[in-house]
């Protein structure tokens, strides 16, 4: 899998940490800890990439700020 950038941040609205990936802006993962949010978004992206590898193009990783 290409090296994607992942971010975590506290969500006041949800009262949990949210994990995101700029290459897949429609995906996120909420969890009570930052580590779980990061683990969750990485797993979701890995699943989506595995699904896309069959016959669709995979988004190119975006540069980190």
Protein backbone atom coordinates (compact mmCIF):
# COMPACT_ATOMS: atom_id res chain seq x y z
CA UNK A 1 0.00 0.00 0.00
CA UNK A 2 1.37 3.49 -0.80
CA UNK A 3 2.38 5.55 2.21
CA UNK A 4 -0.66 7.65 3.05
CA UNK A 5 -0.68 10.45 5.60
CA UNK A 6 -2.96 10.07 8.60
CA UNK A 7 -4.11 12.66 11.13
CA UNK A 8 -5.87 12.55 14.48
CA UNK A 9 -7.62 15.36 16.31
CA UNK A 10 -10.01 15.79 19.20
CA UNK A 11 -13.63 16.32 18.09
CA UNK A 12 -15.57 18.50 20.53
CA UNK A 13 -18.78 17.65 18.65
CA UNK A 14 -18.31 13.90 19.05
CA UNK A 15 -16.39 13.85 22.33
CA UNK A 16 -13.83 11.47 20.80
CA UNK A 17 -10.71 11.50 18.69
CA UNK A 18 -11.22 11.41 14.93
CA UNK A 19 -8.74 9.80 12.55
CA UNK A 20 -8.59 11.03 8.95
CA UNK A 21 -6.61 10.49 5.77
CA UNK A 22 -6.29 13.41 3.28
CA UNK A 23 -6.12 10.96 0.34
CA UNK A 24 -9.58 9.67 1.33
CA UNK A 25 -11.45 12.75 2.60
CA UNK A 26 -14.76 10.92 2.92
CA UNK A 27 -13.32 8.43 5.44
CA UNK A 28 -12.88 8.93 9.18
CA UNK A 29 -12.76 6.88 12.37
CA UNK A 30 -13.93 7.92 15.83
CA UNK A 31 -12.42 6.39 18.97
CA UNK A 32 -11.98 7.22 22.65
CA UNK A 33 -8.18 7.41 22.36
CA UNK A 34 -5.86 8.95 19.79
CA UNK A 35 -4.09 5.61 19.25
CA UNK A 36 -7.39 3.82 18.56
CA UNK A 37 -8.48 6.55 16.12
CA UNK A 38 -5.19 6.21 14.23
CA UNK A 39 -5.41 2.42 14.20
CA UNK A 40 -9.03 2.57 13.03
CA UNK A 41 -8.47 4.97 10.12
CA UNK A 42 -5.42 2.99 8.98
CA UNK A 43 -7.50 -0.20 8.94
CA UNK A 44 -10.37 1.43 7.03
CA UNK A 45 -8.00 2.86 4.41
CA UNK A 46 -6.28 -0.52 4.03
CA UNK A 47 -9.67 -2.18 3.42
CA UNK A 48 -10.70 0.44 0.86
CA UNK A 49 -7.35 0.19 -0.95
CA UNK A 50 -7.67 -3.60 -1.07
CA UNK A 51 -11.15 -3.23 -2.60
CA UNK A 52 -9.95 -0.64 -5.12
CA UNK A 53 -6.96 -2.71 -6.23
CA UNK A 54 -9.28 -5.08 -8.06
CA UNK A 55 -10.34 -2.69 -10.83
CA UNK A 56 -10.28 0.96 -9.78
CA UNK A 57 -7.55 3.55 -9.46
CA UNK A 58 -6.19 4.23 -5.99
CA UNK A 59 -5.78 7.87 -4.93
CA UNK A 60 -2.18 9.00 -4.91
CA UNK A 61 -0.97 9.93 -1.41
CA UNK A 62 -1.14 13.67 -0.80
CA UNK A 63 1.88 15.55 0.46
CA UNK A 64 1.81 16.38 4.16
CA UNK A 65 1.78 20.02 5.28
